[in-house]
Amino acid sequence: MSRYIHLAKKIRLAKKNKQTKWAPFWIIPKIYGGLRKIHPSRITTIKRSWRRTKTKA
């Protein structure tokens, strides 16, 4: 293994990490309106876990 991660790879990994986060809480009333109880993870398009799916970064 290499001693350090190149900056380009670090940026790619940071982007992938941001994509796996839940949507913000204020998005739910904005999209659905009212007081519907929906989990923020339902709105996020890319659902990836470090255990299940690996990236090509």
PDB file of N, CA and C in Angstrom:
ATOM      1  N   MET A   1       0.830  -1.189   0.000  1.00  0.00           N
ATOM      2  CA  MET A   1       0.000   0.000   0.000  1.00  0.00           C
ATOM      3  C   MET A   1       0.871   1.247   0.000  1.00  0.00           C
ATOM      4  N   SER A   2       0.340   2.282  -0.605  1.00  0.00           N
ATOM      5  CA  SER A   2       1.101   3.527  -0.644  1.00  0.00           C
ATOM      6  C   SER A   2       1.013   4.246   0.707  1.00  0.00           C
ATOM      7  N   ARG A   3       1.942   5.146   0.888  1.00  0.00           N
ATOM      8  CA  ARG A   3       2.043   5.836   2.170  1.00  0.00           C
ATOM      9  C   ARG A   3       0.990   6.928   2.336  1.00  0.00           C
ATOM     10  N   TYR A   4       0.621   7.569   1.247  1.00  0.00           N
ATOM     11  CA  TYR A   4      -0.348   8.659   1.329  1.00  0.00           C
ATOM     12  C   TYR A   4      -1.327   8.572   0.153  1.00  0.00           C
ATOM     13  N   ILE A   5      -2.469   9.219   0.314  1.00  0.00           N
ATOM     14  CA  ILE A   5      -3.500   9.241  -0.729  1.00  0.00           C
ATOM     15  C   ILE A   5      -3.295  10.498  -1.561  1.00  0.00           C
ATOM     16  N   HIS A   6      -3.322  10.329  -2.878  1.00  0.00           N
ATOM     17  CA  HIS A   6      -3.192  11.479  -3.766  1.00  0.00           C
ATOM     18  C   HIS A   6      -4.391  12.401  -3.601  1.00  0.00           C
ATOM     19  N   LEU A   7      -4.200  13.667  -3.883  1.00  0.00           N
ATOM     20  CA  LEU A   7      -5.256  14.660  -3.689  1.00  0.00           C
ATOM     21  C   LEU A   7      -6.483  14.362  -4.539  1.00  0.00           C
ATOM     22  N   ALA A   8      -6.295  13.926  -5.785  1.00  0.00           N
ATOM     23  CA  ALA A   8      -7.426  13.634  -6.668  1.00  0.00           C
ATOM     24  C   ALA A   8      -8.297  12.519  -6.098  1.00  0.00           C
ATOM     25  N   LYS A   9      -7.654  11.477  -5.577  1.00  0.00           N
ATOM     26  CA  LYS A   9      -8.404  10.363  -4.987  1.00  0.00           C
ATOM     27  C   LYS A   9      -9.123  10.808  -3.722  1.00  0.00           C
ATOM     28  N   LYS A  10      -8.465  11.673  -2.960  1.00  0.00           N
ATOM     29  CA  LYS A  10      -9.065  12.183  -1.729  1.00  0.00           C
ATOM     30  C   LYS A  10     -10.325  12.989  -2.030  1.00  0.00           C
ATOM     31  N   ILE A  11     -10.279  13.779  -3.102  1.00  0.00           N
ATOM     32  CA  ILE A  11     -11.434  14.584  -3.516  1.00  0.00           C
ATOM     33  C   ILE A  11     -12.579  13.677  -3.976  1.00  0.00           C
ATOM     34  N   ARG A  12     -12.236  12.628  -4.745  1.00  0.00           N
ATOM     35  CA  ARG A  12     -13.265  11.688  -5.211  1.00  0.00           C
ATOM     36  C   ARG A  12     -13.932  10.983  -4.037  1.00  0.00           C
ATOM     37  N   LEU A  13     -13.137  10.561  -3.061  1.00  0.00           N
ATOM     38  CA  LEU A  13     -13.687   9.881  -1.890  1.00  0.00           C
ATOM     39  C   LEU A  13     -14.549  10.826  -1.058  1.00  0.00           C
ATOM     40  N   ALA A  14     -14.157  12.088  -0.958  1.00  0.00           N
ATOM     41  CA  ALA A  14     -14.944  13.072  -0.216  1.00  0.00           C
ATOM     42  C   ALA A  14     -16.288  13.302  -0.883  1.00  0.00           C
ATOM     43  N   LYS A  15     -16.305  13.317  -2.221  1.00  0.00           N
ATOM     44  CA  LYS A  15     -17.557  13.492  -2.956  1.00  0.00           C
ATOM     45  C   LYS A  15     -18.484  12.307  -2.725  1.00  0.00           C
ATOM     46  N   LYS A  16     -17.932  11.088  -2.757  1.00  0.00           N
ATOM     47  CA  LYS A  16     -18.734   9.886  -2.512  1.00  0.00           C
ATOM     48  C   LYS A  16     -19.294   9.889  -1.095  1.00  0.00           C
ATOM     49  N   ASN A  17     -18.510  10.384  -0.150  1.00  0.00           N
ATOM     50  CA  ASN A  17     -18.962  10.435   1.237  1.00  0.00           C
ATOM     51  C   ASN A  17     -20.120  11.416   1.401  1.00  0.00           C
ATOM     52  N   LYS A  18     -20.072  12.540   0.663  1.00  0.00           N
ATOM     53  CA  LYS A  18     -21.165  13.514   0.734  1.00  0.00           C
ATOM     54  C   LYS A  18     -22.443  12.964   0.118  1.00  0.00           C
ATOM     55  N   GLN A  19     -22.312  12.144  -0.923  1.00  0.00           N
ATOM     56  CA  GLN A  19     -23.487  11.610  -1.616  1.00  0.00           C
ATOM     57  C   GLN A  19     -24.261  10.610  -0.768  1.00  0.00           C
ATOM     58  N   THR A  20     -23.612   9.972   0.192  1.00  0.00           N
ATOM     59  CA  THR A  20     -24.282   8.948   0.989  1.00  0.00           C
ATOM     60  C   THR A  20     -25.053   9.533   2.172  1.00  0.00           C
ATOM     61  N   LYS A  21     -24.881  10.822   2.437  1.00  0.00           N
ATOM     62  CA  LYS A  21     -25.565  11.431   3.583  1.00  0.00           C
ATOM     63  C   LYS A  21     -27.063  11.586   3.317  1.00  0.00           C
ATOM     64  N   TRP A  22     -27.834  11.671   4.393  1.00  0.00           N
ATOM     65  CA  TRP A  22     -29.268  11.879   4.265  1.00  0.00           C
ATOM     66  C   TRP A  22     -29.557  13.281   3.754  1.00  0.00           C
ATOM     67  N   ALA A  23     -30.760  13.445   3.219  1.00  0.00           N
ATOM     68  CA  ALA A  23     -31.210  14.763   2.792  1.00  0.00           C
ATOM     69  C   ALA A  23     -31.462  15.616   4.034  1.00  0.00           C
ATOM     70  N   PRO A  24     -31.351  16.947   3.927  1.00  0.00           N
ATOM     71  CA  PRO A  24     -31.636  17.792   5.086  1.00  0.00           C
ATOM     72  C   PRO A  24     -33.109  17.729   5.491  1.00  0.00           C
ATOM     73  N   PHE A  25     -33.377  17.986   6.767  1.00  0.00           N
ATOM     74  CA  PHE A  25     -34.729  17.813   7.309  1.00  0.00           C
ATOM     75  C   PHE A  25     -35.740  18.773   6.688  1.00  0.00           C
ATOM     76  N   TRP A  26     -35.298  19.958   6.238  1.00  0.00           N
ATOM     77  CA  TRP A  26     -36.233  20.947   5.695  1.00  0.00           C
ATOM     78  C   TRP A  26     -36.670  20.609   4.273  1.00  0.00           C
ATOM     79  N   ILE A  27     -36.032  19.649   3.645  1.00  0.00           N
ATOM     80  CA  ILE A  27     -36.411  19.240   2.282  1.00  0.00           C
ATOM     81  C   ILE A  27     -37.758  18.516   2.277  1.00  0.00           C
ATOM     82  N   ILE A  28     -38.068  17.772   3.338  1.00  0.00           N
ATOM     83  CA  ILE A  28     -39.292  16.956   3.386  1.00  0.00           C
ATOM     84  C   ILE A  28     -40.549  17.810   3.284  1.00  0.00           C
ATOM     85  N   PRO A  29     -40.714  18.869   4.103  1.00  0.00           N
ATOM     86  CA  PRO A  29     -41.907  19.698   3.910  1.00  0.00           C
ATOM     87  C   PRO A  29     -41.896  20.437   2.572  1.00  0.00           C
ATOM     88  N   LYS A  30     -40.702  20.738   2.060  1.00  0.00           N
ATOM     89  CA  LYS A  30     -40.612  21.448   0.783  1.00  0.00           C
ATOM     90  C   LYS A  30     -41.121  20.566  -0.361  1.00  0.00           C
ATOM     91  N   ILE A  31     -40.748  19.287  -0.346  1.00  0.00           N
ATOM     92  CA  ILE A  31     -41.155  18.378  -1.425  1.00  0.00           C
ATOM     93  C   ILE A  31     -42.595  17.908  -1.230  1.00  0.00           C
ATOM     94  N   TYR A  32     -42.913  17.387  -0.025  1.00  0.00           N
ATOM     95  CA  TYR A  32     -44.210  16.758   0.209  1.00  0.00           C
ATOM     96  C   TYR A  32     -45.245  17.697   0.797  1.00  0.00           C
ATOM     97  N   GLY A  33     -44.810  18.765   1.433  1.00  0.00           N
ATOM     98  CA  GLY A  33     -45.742  19.712   2.037  1.00  0.00           C
ATOM     99  C   GLY A  33     -46.372  19.155   3.297  1.00  0.00           C
ATOM    100  N   GLY A  34     -46.747  20.041   4.184  1.00  0.00           N
ATOM    101  CA  GLY A  34     -47.434  19.614   5.398  1.00  0.00           C
ATOM    102  C   GLY A  34     -46.511  18.929   6.380  1.00  0.00           C
ATOM    103  N   LEU A  35     -47.098  18.035   7.165  1.00  0.00           N
ATOM    104  CA  LEU A  35     -46.362  17.376   8.245  1.00  0.00           C
ATOM    105  C   LEU A  35     -46.216  15.877   8.011  1.00  0.00           C
ATOM    106  N   ARG A  36     -45.956  15.487   6.780  1.00  0.00           N
ATOM    107  CA  ARG A  36     -45.776  14.065   6.483  1.00  0.00           C
ATOM    108  C   ARG A  36     -44.494  13.561   7.133  1.00  0.00           C
ATOM    109  N   LYS A  37     -44.590  12.389   7.733  1.00  0.00           N
ATOM    110  CA  LYS A  37     -43.421  11.818   8.386  1.00  0.00           C
ATOM    111  C   LYS A  37     -42.720  10.879   7.411  1.00  0.00           C
ATOM    112  N   ILE A  38     -41.643  11.356   6.828  1.00  0.00           N
ATOM    113  CA  ILE A  38     -40.846  10.568   5.895  1.00  0.00           C
ATOM    114  C   ILE A  38     -39.397  10.679   6.330  1.00  0.00           C
ATOM    115  N   HIS A  39     -38.700   9.564   6.294  1.00  0.00           N
ATOM    116  CA  HIS A  39     -37.290   9.572   6.689  1.00  0.00           C
ATOM    117  C   HIS A  39     -36.461  10.268   5.616  1.00  0.00           C
ATOM    118  N   PRO A  40     -35.497  11.096   6.000  1.00  0.00           N
ATOM    119  CA  PRO A  40     -34.683  11.830   5.014  1.00  0.00           C
ATOM    120  C   PRO A  40     -33.875  10.928   4.080  1.00  0.00           C
ATOM    121  N   SER A  41     -33.632   9.672   4.479  1.00  0.00           N
ATOM    122  CA  SER A  41     -32.852   8.783   3.621  1.00  0.00           C
ATOM    123  C   SER A  41     -33.645   8.342   2.390  1.00  0.00           C
ATOM    124  N   ARG A  42     -34.966   8.471   2.435  1.00  0.00           N
ATOM    125  CA  ARG A  42     -35.781   8.091   1.272  1.00  0.00           C
ATOM    126  C   ARG A  42     -35.583   9.035   0.099  1.00  0.00           C
ATOM    127  N   ILE A  43     -35.173  10.256   0.371  1.00  0.00           N
ATOM    128  CA  ILE A  43     -35.045  11.266  -0.678  1.00  0.00           C
ATOM    129  C   ILE A  43     -33.681  11.169  -1.366  1.00  0.00           C
ATOM    130  N   THR A  44     -32.660  10.723  -0.629  1.00  0.00           N
ATOM    131  CA  THR A  44     -31.326  10.648  -1.218  1.00  0.00           C
ATOM    132  C   THR A  44     -31.303   9.601  -2.328  1.00  0.00           C
ATOM    133  N   THR A  45     -30.653   9.936  -3.444  1.00  0.00           N
ATOM    134  CA  THR A  45     -30.663   9.034  -4.594  1.00  0.00           C
ATOM    135  C   THR A  45     -29.612   7.944  -4.474  1.00  0.00           C
ATOM    136  N   ILE A  46     -28.427   8.290  -4.005  1.00  0.00           N
ATOM    137  CA  ILE A  46     -27.340   7.312  -3.918  1.00  0.00           C
ATOM    138  C   ILE A  46     -27.249   6.806  -2.493  1.00  0.00           C
ATOM    139  N   LYS A  47     -27.571   5.529  -2.296  1.00  0.00           N
ATOM    140  CA  LYS A  47     -27.457   4.922  -0.985  1.00  0.00           C
ATOM    141  C   LYS A  47     -26.335   3.887  -1.056  1.00  0.00           C
ATOM    142  N   ARG A  48     -25.242   4.178  -0.378  1.00  0.00           N
ATOM    143  CA  ARG A  48     -24.089   3.293  -0.416  1.00  0.00           C
ATOM    144  C   ARG A  48     -23.503   3.195   0.974  1.00  0.00           C
ATOM    145  N   SER A  49     -23.123   1.996   1.341  1.00  0.00           N
ATOM    146  CA  SER A  49     -22.470   1.769   2.616  1.00  0.00           C
ATOM    147  C   SER A  49     -21.058   1.260   2.367  1.00  0.00           C
ATOM    148  N   TRP A  50     -20.165   1.568   3.252  1.00  0.00           N
ATOM    149  CA  TRP A  50     -18.788   1.132   3.085  1.00  0.00           C
ATOM    150  C   TRP A  50     -18.673  -0.378   3.200  1.00  0.00           C
ATOM    151  N   ARG A  51     -19.654  -1.019   3.840  1.00  0.00           N
ATOM    152  CA  ARG A  51     -19.630  -2.489   3.940  1.00  0.00           C
ATOM    153  C   ARG A  51     -20.186  -3.150   2.687  1.00  0.00           C
ATOM    154  N   ARG A  52     -21.346  -2.656   2.213  1.00  0.00           N
ATOM    155  CA  ARG A  52     -22.052  -3.335   1.120  1.00  0.00           C
ATOM    156  C   ARG A  52     -21.401  -3.100  -0.242  1.00  0.00           C
ATOM    157  N   THR A  53     -21.277  -1.847  -0.650  1.00  0.00           N
ATOM    158  CA  THR A  53     -20.865  -1.509  -2.015  1.00  0.00           C
ATOM    159  C   THR A  53     -19.563  -0.724  -1.984  1.00  0.00           C
ATOM    160  N   LYS A  54     -18.633  -1.143  -2.787  1.00  0.00           N
ATOM    161  CA  LYS A  54     -17.354  -0.444  -2.876  1.00  0.00           C
ATOM    162  C   LYS A  54     -17.371   0.524  -4.041  1.00  0.00           C
ATOM    163  N   THR A  55     -16.552   1.566  -3.964  1.00  0.00           N
ATOM    164  CA  THR A  55     -16.434   2.539  -5.043  1.00  0.00           C
ATOM    165  C   THR A  55     -15.217   2.194  -5.892  1.00  0.00           C
ATOM    166  N   LYS A  56     -15.150   2.802  -7.070  1.00  0.00           N
ATOM    167  CA  LYS A  56     -13.998   2.570  -7.930  1.00  0.00           C
ATOM    168  C   LYS A  56     -12.954   3.664  -7.761  1.00  0.00           C
ATOM    169  N   ALA A  57     -13.097   4.491  -6.745  1.00  0.00           N
ATOM    170  CA  ALA A  57     -12.165   5.610  -6.525  1.00  0.00           C
ATOM    171  C   ALA A  57     -10.814   5.118  -6.072  1.00  0.00           C
TER     172      ALA A  57
END
